[in-house]
Amino acid sequence: MKYLICEDFGGHQVAFLFPNRVDHADMREQLPYAKVTAAGYVELENDSFRCFGGSKELDIHARPEQDVAIILEHLASNKA
């Protein structure tokens, strides 16, 4: 999967996960947030997430440890 991490209007980091067939730039156009702070690929490896790569179109890179933490927090908050 691919992901983008954006900063919302309150300064919080928000994760968006989407299929590999969607370009980072195309997904970016759909989001209302002004700032993208990270982009890349996420995969489940040995029962843990791994973030890597980046987006050439957006010239933004993954921040492996920080992005995994944001994605996990996002997924945990959406359990309900």
N, C-alpha and C. Protein backbone atom coordinates (compact mmCIF):
# COMPACT_ATOMS: atom_id res chain seq x y z
N MET A 1 0.84 -1.18 0.00
CA MET A 1 0.00 0.00 0.00
C MET A 1 0.88 1.24 0.00
N LYS A 2 0.29 2.33 -0.43
CA LYS A 2 0.95 3.63 -0.36
C LYS A 2 0.34 4.43 0.78
N TYR A 3 1.03 5.48 1.16
CA TYR A 3 0.49 6.36 2.20
C TYR A 3 0.96 7.79 2.00
N LEU A 4 0.17 8.69 2.54
CA LEU A 4 0.54 10.09 2.70
C LEU A 4 0.28 10.46 4.14
N ILE A 5 1.12 11.28 4.70
CA ILE A 5 0.87 11.85 6.02
C ILE A 5 0.79 13.35 5.83
N CYS A 6 -0.33 13.90 6.26
CA CYS A 6 -0.58 15.33 6.10
C CYS A 6 -0.72 15.97 7.47
N GLU A 7 -0.51 17.26 7.49
CA GLU A 7 -0.75 18.03 8.71
C GLU A 7 -2.13 18.67 8.58
N ASP A 8 -3.00 18.38 9.55
CA ASP A 8 -4.34 18.96 9.48
C ASP A 8 -4.30 20.41 9.96
N PHE A 9 -5.45 21.06 9.96
CA PHE A 9 -5.51 22.48 10.27
C PHE A 9 -5.19 22.79 11.73
N GLY A 10 -5.20 21.74 12.57
CA GLY A 10 -4.83 21.92 13.97
C GLY A 10 -3.38 21.54 14.24
N GLY A 11 -2.64 21.18 13.19
CA GLY A 11 -1.23 20.82 13.34
C GLY A 11 -0.99 19.36 13.66
N HIS A 12 -2.04 18.53 13.62
CA HIS A 12 -1.91 17.10 13.90
C HIS A 12 -1.57 16.33 12.63
N GLN A 13 -0.81 15.26 12.79
CA GLN A 13 -0.44 14.42 11.66
C GLN A 13 -1.58 13.43 11.38
N VAL A 14 -2.00 13.33 10.13
CA VAL A 14 -3.10 12.47 9.72
C VAL A 14 -2.60 11.54 8.62
N ALA A 15 -2.85 10.23 8.79
CA ALA A 15 -2.38 9.23 7.82
C ALA A 15 -3.49 8.86 6.84
N PHE A 16 -3.11 8.71 5.59
CA PHE A 16 -4.01 8.23 4.54
C PHE A 16 -3.34 7.06 3.86
N LEU A 17 -3.99 5.90 3.89
CA LEU A 17 -3.49 4.69 3.24
C LEU A 17 -4.35 4.43 2.01
N PHE A 18 -3.69 4.02 0.93
CA PHE A 18 -4.43 3.80 -0.31
C PHE A 18 -3.70 2.78 -1.18
N PRO A 19 -4.39 2.21 -2.17
CA PRO A 19 -3.80 1.15 -3.00
C PRO A 19 -2.62 1.63 -3.85
N ASN A 20 -1.73 0.71 -4.18
CA ASN A 20 -0.56 1.02 -5.00
C ASN A 20 -0.91 1.56 -6.38
N ARG A 21 -2.07 1.21 -6.90
CA ARG A 21 -2.43 1.65 -8.25
C ARG A 21 -2.75 3.15 -8.34
N VAL A 22 -2.94 3.80 -7.18
CA VAL A 22 -3.22 5.23 -7.13
C VAL A 22 -1.91 5.98 -6.93
N ASP A 23 -1.64 6.98 -7.75
CA ASP A 23 -0.42 7.78 -7.61
C ASP A 23 -0.50 8.66 -6.38
N HIS A 24 0.65 8.90 -5.77
CA HIS A 24 0.71 9.82 -4.63
C HIS A 24 0.15 11.20 -5.01
N ALA A 25 0.53 11.68 -6.18
CA ALA A 25 0.09 13.02 -6.61
C ALA A 25 -1.43 13.06 -6.81
N ASP A 26 -2.00 11.99 -7.36
CA ASP A 26 -3.45 11.96 -7.57
C ASP A 26 -4.19 11.96 -6.23
N MET A 27 -3.67 11.19 -5.27
CA MET A 27 -4.30 11.18 -3.94
C MET A 27 -4.16 12.54 -3.27
N ARG A 28 -3.00 13.14 -3.43
CA ARG A 28 -2.75 14.46 -2.83
C ARG A 28 -3.79 15.48 -3.29
N GLU A 29 -4.15 15.43 -4.55
CA GLU A 29 -5.14 16.36 -5.10
C GLU A 29 -6.51 16.21 -4.45
N GLN A 30 -6.80 15.04 -3.88
CA GLN A 30 -8.10 14.77 -3.28
C GLN A 30 -8.20 15.22 -1.82
N LEU A 31 -7.06 15.54 -1.22
CA LEU A 31 -7.05 15.85 0.21
C LEU A 31 -7.14 17.35 0.47
N PRO A 32 -7.88 17.72 1.51
CA PRO A 32 -8.08 19.15 1.78
C PRO A 32 -6.94 19.82 2.54
N TYR A 33 -5.94 19.06 2.95
CA TYR A 33 -4.88 19.61 3.79
C TYR A 33 -3.79 20.27 2.96
N ALA A 34 -3.24 21.35 3.50
CA ALA A 34 -2.25 22.15 2.77
C ALA A 34 -0.87 21.52 2.75
N LYS A 35 -0.51 20.81 3.81
CA LYS A 35 0.87 20.34 3.93
C LYS A 35 0.96 18.82 3.99
N VAL A 36 1.76 18.23 3.10
CA VAL A 36 2.08 16.81 3.16
C VAL A 36 3.46 16.70 3.80
N THR A 37 3.57 15.94 4.87
CA THR A 37 4.84 15.85 5.59
C THR A 37 5.63 14.59 5.27
N ALA A 38 4.96 13.56 4.74
CA ALA A 38 5.66 12.33 4.38
C ALA A 38 4.83 11.55 3.38
N ALA A 39 5.52 10.71 2.61
CA ALA A 39 4.85 9.85 1.63
C ALA A 39 5.73 8.65 1.38
N GLY A 40 5.10 7.55 1.01
CA GLY A 40 5.88 6.36 0.70
C GLY A 40 5.00 5.15 0.60
N TYR A 41 5.60 4.02 0.95
CA TYR A 41 4.93 2.72 0.90
C TYR A 41 4.93 2.13 2.29
N VAL A 42 3.87 1.38 2.60
CA VAL A 42 3.78 0.72 3.89
C VAL A 42 3.42 -0.74 3.63
N GLU A 43 4.09 -1.63 4.36
CA GLU A 43 3.78 -3.05 4.23
C GLU A 43 3.89 -3.71 5.59
N LEU A 44 3.18 -4.81 5.73
CA LEU A 44 3.23 -5.60 6.95
C LEU A 44 4.33 -6.64 6.76
N GLU A 45 5.31 -6.62 7.66
CA GLU A 45 6.45 -7.52 7.55
C GLU A 45 6.75 -8.08 8.94
N ASN A 46 6.69 -9.40 9.07
CA ASN A 46 6.95 -10.05 10.37
C ASN A 46 6.10 -9.46 11.48
N ASP A 47 4.80 -9.33 11.22
CA ASP A 47 3.83 -8.82 12.20
C ASP A 47 4.07 -7.38 12.63
N SER A 48 4.78 -6.61 11.84
CA SER A 48 4.94 -5.18 12.13
C SER A 48 4.95 -4.41 10.82
N PHE A 49 4.60 -3.15 10.91
CA PHE A 49 4.57 -2.31 9.73
C PHE A 49 5.96 -1.78 9.41
N ARG A 50 6.18 -1.58 8.12
CA ARG A 50 7.45 -1.00 7.65
C ARG A 50 7.10 0.07 6.63
N CYS A 51 7.60 1.28 6.84
CA CYS A 51 7.43 2.39 5.90
C CYS A 51 8.75 2.63 5.19
N PHE A 52 8.67 2.90 3.89
CA PHE A 52 9.88 3.09 3.11
C PHE A 52 9.57 3.88 1.84
N GLY A 53 10.62 4.27 1.14
CA GLY A 53 10.47 4.93 -0.15
C GLY A 53 10.08 6.39 -0.03
N GLY A 54 9.25 6.79 -0.96
CA GLY A 54 8.81 8.17 -1.02
C GLY A 54 7.99 8.39 -2.28
N SER A 55 7.77 9.63 -2.60
CA SER A 55 7.02 10.01 -3.79
C SER A 55 7.88 10.92 -4.66
N LYS A 56 8.26 10.42 -5.82
CA LYS A 56 9.03 11.25 -6.75
C LYS A 56 8.20 12.43 -7.23
N GLU A 57 6.90 12.19 -7.47
CA GLU A 57 6.02 13.26 -7.97
C GLU A 57 5.93 14.42 -6.99
N LEU A 58 5.88 14.10 -5.71
CA LEU A 58 5.73 15.13 -4.68
C LEU A 58 7.06 15.55 -4.07
N ASP A 59 8.12 14.84 -4.41
CA ASP A 59 9.46 15.09 -3.85
C ASP A 59 9.43 15.06 -2.32
N ILE A 60 8.79 14.01 -1.79
CA ILE A 60 8.66 13.82 -0.35
C ILE A 60 9.05 12.38 -0.04
N HIS A 61 9.74 12.19 1.07
CA HIS A 61 10.24 10.87 1.44
C HIS A 61 9.56 10.33 2.68
N ALA A 62 9.70 9.02 2.86
CA ALA A 62 9.22 8.36 4.06
C ALA A 62 10.12 8.69 5.24
N ARG A 63 9.52 8.70 6.41
CA ARG A 63 10.26 8.82 7.68
C ARG A 63 9.93 7.55 8.45
N PRO A 64 10.69 6.48 8.22
CA PRO A 64 10.28 5.13 8.65
C PRO A 64 9.71 5.02 10.06
N GLU A 65 10.43 5.37 11.07
CA GLU A 65 9.95 5.17 12.44
C GLU A 65 8.78 6.10 12.78
N GLN A 66 8.91 7.36 12.43
CA GLN A 66 7.87 8.33 12.74
C GLN A 66 6.57 8.00 12.00
N ASP A 67 6.66 7.62 10.74
CA ASP A 67 5.46 7.33 9.96
C ASP A 67 4.75 6.08 10.47
N VAL A 68 5.49 5.05 10.84
CA VAL A 68 4.87 3.85 11.41
C VAL A 68 4.09 4.22 12.66
N ALA A 69 4.66 5.03 13.53
CA ALA A 69 3.97 5.44 14.76
C ALA A 69 2.68 6.18 14.45
N ILE A 70 2.70 7.08 13.48
CA ILE A 70 1.50 7.84 13.11
C ILE A 70 0.44 6.92 12.53
N ILE A 71 0.85 6.00 11.66
CA ILE A 71 -0.10 5.06 11.06
C ILE A 71 -0.72 4.17 12.13
N LEU A 72 0.09 3.64 13.04
CA LEU A 72 -0.44 2.79 14.11
C LEU A 72 -1.41 3.57 15.01
N GLU A 73 -1.07 4.80 15.32
CA GLU A 73 -1.97 5.63 16.12
C GLU A 73 -3.29 5.86 15.39
N HIS A 74 -3.21 6.13 14.11
CA HIS A 74 -4.40 6.35 13.28
C HIS A 74 -5.27 5.09 13.26
N LEU A 75 -4.65 3.93 13.05
CA LEU A 75 -5.42 2.68 13.01
C LEU A 75 -6.04 2.36 14.37
N ALA A 76 -5.31 2.59 15.45
CA ALA A 76 -5.83 2.33 16.80
C ALA A 76 -7.02 3.23 17.13
N SER A 77 -6.97 4.48 16.68
CA SER A 77 -8.05 5.41 17.00
C SER A 77 -9.30 5.13 16.17
N ASN A 78 -9.19 4.33 15.12
CA ASN A 78 -10.33 4.02 14.26
C ASN A 78 -10.89 2.63 14.51
N LYS A 79 -10.56 2.01 15.63
CA LYS A 79 -11.04 0.68 15.96
C LYS A 79 -12.54 0.65 16.25
N ALA A 80 -13.05 1.69 16.82
CA ALA A 80 -14.43 1.73 17.29
C ALA A 80 -15.44 1.62 16.21
